[in-house]
Amino acid sequence: MENLIESNPKIMLGKPVVKGTRIKVEMILQKLAAGETIDGILSQHPRLTREQVLACIDFAARSLDADFVYPLVKEAA
């Protein structure tokens, strides 16, 4: 699931997003915290997959681990 989330300074000011989108992990988590279901989120964002939403949850859980390093996209030379 790690490769489904990316952080790139050129996309959404470097906030973690679902890879290949501008959908922030933060937004997915806020929707879930507000009581929205995964199915509800998927209906609002048809290109999003269940696996990507679960990757957002996994990312948040792992980010609380002190040993976690935020993934960054390497700039092409």
N, C-alpha and C. Protein backbone atom coordinates (compact mmCIF):
# COMPACT_ATOMS: atom_id res chain seq x y z
N MET A 1 0.80 -1.20 0.00
CA MET A 1 0.00 0.00 0.00
C MET A 1 0.85 1.27 0.00
N GLU A 2 2.11 1.15 0.36
CA GLU A 2 2.98 2.32 0.46
C GLU A 2 3.05 3.12 -0.82
N ASN A 3 3.07 2.46 -1.97
CA ASN A 3 3.26 3.19 -3.22
C ASN A 3 1.99 3.87 -3.70
N LEU A 4 0.91 3.84 -2.94
CA LEU A 4 -0.33 4.50 -3.33
C LEU A 4 -0.42 5.93 -2.79
N ILE A 5 0.49 6.29 -1.92
CA ILE A 5 0.52 7.62 -1.33
C ILE A 5 1.84 8.28 -1.69
N GLU A 6 1.77 9.56 -2.06
CA GLU A 6 3.01 10.27 -2.37
C GLU A 6 2.98 11.67 -1.78
N SER A 7 4.15 12.21 -1.60
CA SER A 7 4.31 13.58 -1.12
C SER A 7 5.29 14.26 -2.05
N ASN A 8 4.80 15.27 -2.77
CA ASN A 8 5.62 15.96 -3.76
C ASN A 8 5.44 17.45 -3.55
N PRO A 9 6.50 18.19 -3.33
CA PRO A 9 6.39 19.63 -3.08
C PRO A 9 5.62 20.38 -4.16
N LYS A 10 5.53 19.84 -5.36
CA LYS A 10 4.84 20.50 -6.46
C LYS A 10 3.33 20.18 -6.49
N ILE A 11 2.90 19.26 -5.64
CA ILE A 11 1.48 18.88 -5.60
C ILE A 11 0.93 19.16 -4.21
N MET A 12 -0.07 20.01 -4.13
CA MET A 12 -0.75 20.34 -2.87
C MET A 12 0.24 20.73 -1.77
N LEU A 13 1.25 21.50 -2.15
CA LEU A 13 2.27 22.01 -1.22
C LEU A 13 3.00 20.90 -0.46
N GLY A 14 3.09 19.73 -1.07
CA GLY A 14 3.83 18.63 -0.47
C GLY A 14 3.03 17.78 0.51
N LYS A 15 1.74 18.10 0.69
CA LYS A 15 0.93 17.27 1.59
C LYS A 15 0.76 15.89 0.96
N PRO A 16 0.69 14.84 1.77
CA PRO A 16 0.50 13.50 1.22
C PRO A 16 -0.83 13.40 0.47
N VAL A 17 -0.76 12.84 -0.73
CA VAL A 17 -1.94 12.66 -1.57
C VAL A 17 -1.98 11.24 -2.10
N VAL A 18 -3.15 10.86 -2.59
CA VAL A 18 -3.26 9.59 -3.29
C VAL A 18 -2.48 9.75 -4.59
N LYS A 19 -1.56 8.85 -4.82
CA LYS A 19 -0.65 8.96 -5.97
C LYS A 19 -1.43 9.13 -7.27
N GLY A 20 -0.98 10.10 -8.07
CA GLY A 20 -1.60 10.35 -9.36
C GLY A 20 -2.84 11.22 -9.29
N THR A 21 -3.15 11.74 -8.08
CA THR A 21 -4.32 12.60 -7.90
C THR A 21 -3.92 13.83 -7.09
N ARG A 22 -4.88 14.69 -6.87
CA ARG A 22 -4.71 15.81 -5.96
C ARG A 22 -5.60 15.61 -4.74
N ILE A 23 -5.96 14.37 -4.47
CA ILE A 23 -6.80 14.03 -3.32
C ILE A 23 -5.90 13.83 -2.11
N LYS A 24 -6.04 14.73 -1.13
CA LYS A 24 -5.17 14.68 0.05
C LYS A 24 -5.60 13.57 1.01
N VAL A 25 -4.61 12.91 1.59
CA VAL A 25 -4.86 11.92 2.63
C VAL A 25 -5.67 12.57 3.75
N GLU A 26 -5.32 13.77 4.09
CA GLU A 26 -5.99 14.53 5.14
C GLU A 26 -7.50 14.63 4.88
N MET A 27 -7.89 14.88 3.63
CA MET A 27 -9.30 15.02 3.29
C MET A 27 -10.04 13.70 3.46
N ILE A 28 -9.42 12.62 3.04
CA ILE A 28 -10.03 11.29 3.19
C ILE A 28 -10.24 10.99 4.68
N LEU A 29 -9.22 11.26 5.48
CA LEU A 29 -9.32 11.00 6.91
C LEU A 29 -10.38 11.87 7.57
N GLN A 30 -10.48 13.12 7.15
CA GLN A 30 -11.51 14.01 7.71
C GLN A 30 -12.90 13.50 7.38
N LYS A 31 -13.10 13.02 6.17
CA LYS A 31 -14.40 12.48 5.78
C LYS A 31 -14.74 11.24 6.62
N LEU A 32 -13.77 10.37 6.81
CA LEU A 32 -14.01 9.17 7.62
C LEU A 32 -14.29 9.55 9.07
N ALA A 33 -13.56 10.51 9.59
CA ALA A 33 -13.76 10.95 10.98
C ALA A 33 -15.13 11.59 11.16
N ALA A 34 -15.66 12.19 10.11
CA ALA A 34 -16.97 12.83 10.17
C ALA A 34 -18.10 11.82 10.02
N GLY A 35 -17.74 10.56 9.83
CA GLY A 35 -18.76 9.51 9.77
C GLY A 35 -19.10 9.02 8.38
N GLU A 36 -18.43 9.57 7.36
CA GLU A 36 -18.68 9.08 6.01
C GLU A 36 -18.11 7.67 5.88
N THR A 37 -18.74 6.89 5.04
CA THR A 37 -18.28 5.53 4.81
C THR A 37 -17.31 5.50 3.63
N ILE A 38 -16.57 4.42 3.54
CA ILE A 38 -15.68 4.27 2.39
C ILE A 38 -16.51 4.27 1.11
N ASP A 39 -17.64 3.56 1.12
CA ASP A 39 -18.49 3.53 -0.07
C ASP A 39 -18.98 4.94 -0.44
N GLY A 40 -19.30 5.74 0.57
CA GLY A 40 -19.74 7.11 0.31
C GLY A 40 -18.64 7.94 -0.33
N ILE A 41 -17.42 7.77 0.18
CA ILE A 41 -16.27 8.49 -0.39
C ILE A 41 -16.03 8.05 -1.83
N LEU A 42 -16.14 6.75 -2.06
CA LEU A 42 -15.93 6.22 -3.41
C LEU A 42 -16.98 6.74 -4.38
N SER A 43 -18.21 6.92 -3.91
CA SER A 43 -19.25 7.43 -4.81
C SER A 43 -19.02 8.91 -5.14
N GLN A 44 -18.40 9.65 -4.22
CA GLN A 44 -18.08 11.06 -4.47
C GLN A 44 -16.86 11.22 -5.37
N HIS A 45 -15.98 10.23 -5.35
CA HIS A 45 -14.72 10.28 -6.11
C HIS A 45 -14.61 8.97 -6.90
N PRO A 46 -15.31 8.88 -8.03
CA PRO A 46 -15.39 7.61 -8.78
C PRO A 46 -14.06 7.03 -9.25
N ARG A 47 -13.03 7.87 -9.39
CA ARG A 47 -11.74 7.34 -9.83
C ARG A 47 -10.92 6.78 -8.67
N LEU A 48 -11.36 7.03 -7.46
CA LEU A 48 -10.68 6.53 -6.26
C LEU A 48 -11.08 5.08 -6.03
N THR A 49 -10.14 4.28 -5.53
CA THR A 49 -10.44 2.87 -5.25
C THR A 49 -10.46 2.62 -3.74
N ARG A 50 -11.09 1.53 -3.36
CA ARG A 50 -11.12 1.13 -1.94
C ARG A 50 -9.69 0.96 -1.43
N GLU A 51 -8.83 0.37 -2.23
CA GLU A 51 -7.43 0.15 -1.83
C GLU A 51 -6.74 1.48 -1.53
N GLN A 52 -7.04 2.51 -2.31
CA GLN A 52 -6.43 3.83 -2.08
C GLN A 52 -6.92 4.45 -0.77
N VAL A 53 -8.21 4.29 -0.47
CA VAL A 53 -8.75 4.82 0.78
C VAL A 53 -8.10 4.08 1.96
N LEU A 54 -7.98 2.77 1.84
CA LEU A 54 -7.34 2.00 2.90
C LEU A 54 -5.86 2.39 3.04
N ALA A 55 -5.22 2.73 1.93
CA ALA A 55 -3.83 3.18 1.98
C ALA A 55 -3.73 4.50 2.75
N CYS A 56 -4.74 5.36 2.64
CA CYS A 56 -4.75 6.61 3.40
C CYS A 56 -4.80 6.32 4.90
N ILE A 57 -5.64 5.38 5.28
CA ILE A 57 -5.75 4.99 6.69
C ILE A 57 -4.43 4.39 7.17
N ASP A 58 -3.86 3.52 6.36
CA ASP A 58 -2.59 2.89 6.71
C ASP A 58 -1.48 3.94 6.83
N PHE A 59 -1.46 4.89 5.91
CA PHE A 59 -0.46 5.96 5.96
C PHE A 59 -0.56 6.74 7.26
N ALA A 60 -1.79 7.07 7.65
CA ALA A 60 -1.99 7.83 8.89
C ALA A 60 -1.52 7.02 10.09
N ALA A 61 -1.84 5.75 10.12
CA ALA A 61 -1.42 4.90 11.24
C ALA A 61 0.10 4.80 11.30
N ARG A 62 0.73 4.60 10.15
CA ARG A 62 2.19 4.47 10.13
C ARG A 62 2.88 5.79 10.44
N SER A 63 2.24 6.91 10.09
CA SER A 63 2.88 8.20 10.34
C SER A 63 2.99 8.51 11.83
N LEU A 64 2.21 7.83 12.65
CA LEU A 64 2.31 8.01 14.09
C LEU A 64 3.48 7.24 14.68
N ASP A 65 4.06 6.36 13.89
CA ASP A 65 5.22 5.59 14.31
C ASP A 65 6.45 6.50 14.21
N ALA A 66 7.20 6.62 15.27
CA ALA A 66 8.36 7.52 15.31
C ALA A 66 9.41 7.17 14.27
N ASP A 67 9.44 5.94 13.79
CA ASP A 67 10.45 5.53 12.82
C ASP A 67 10.01 5.75 11.38
N PHE A 68 8.82 6.29 11.16
CA PHE A 68 8.29 6.47 9.81
C PHE A 68 8.97 7.64 9.11
N VAL A 69 9.31 7.47 7.86
CA VAL A 69 9.88 8.53 7.04
C VAL A 69 8.89 8.82 5.92
N TYR A 70 8.48 10.08 5.77
CA TYR A 70 7.53 10.45 4.74
C TYR A 70 8.14 10.25 3.36
N PRO A 71 7.42 9.57 2.46
CA PRO A 71 7.95 9.34 1.13
C PRO A 71 7.95 10.62 0.31
N LEU A 72 9.03 10.85 -0.42
CA LEU A 72 9.13 12.01 -1.28
C LEU A 72 9.39 11.55 -2.70
N VAL A 73 8.89 12.32 -3.64
CA VAL A 73 9.14 12.03 -5.04
C VAL A 73 10.48 12.63 -5.41
N LYS A 74 11.31 11.84 -6.06
CA LYS A 74 12.62 12.33 -6.48
C LYS A 74 12.45 13.15 -7.74
N GLU A 75 13.11 14.30 -7.76
CA GLU A 75 13.08 15.17 -8.94
C GLU A 75 13.92 14.55 -10.04
N ALA A 76 13.40 14.63 -11.26
CA ALA A 76 14.17 14.15 -12.41
C ALA A 76 15.30 15.15 -12.68
N ALA A 77 16.47 14.61 -13.00
CA ALA A 77 17.64 15.47 -13.25
C ALA A 77 17.59 16.10 -14.60
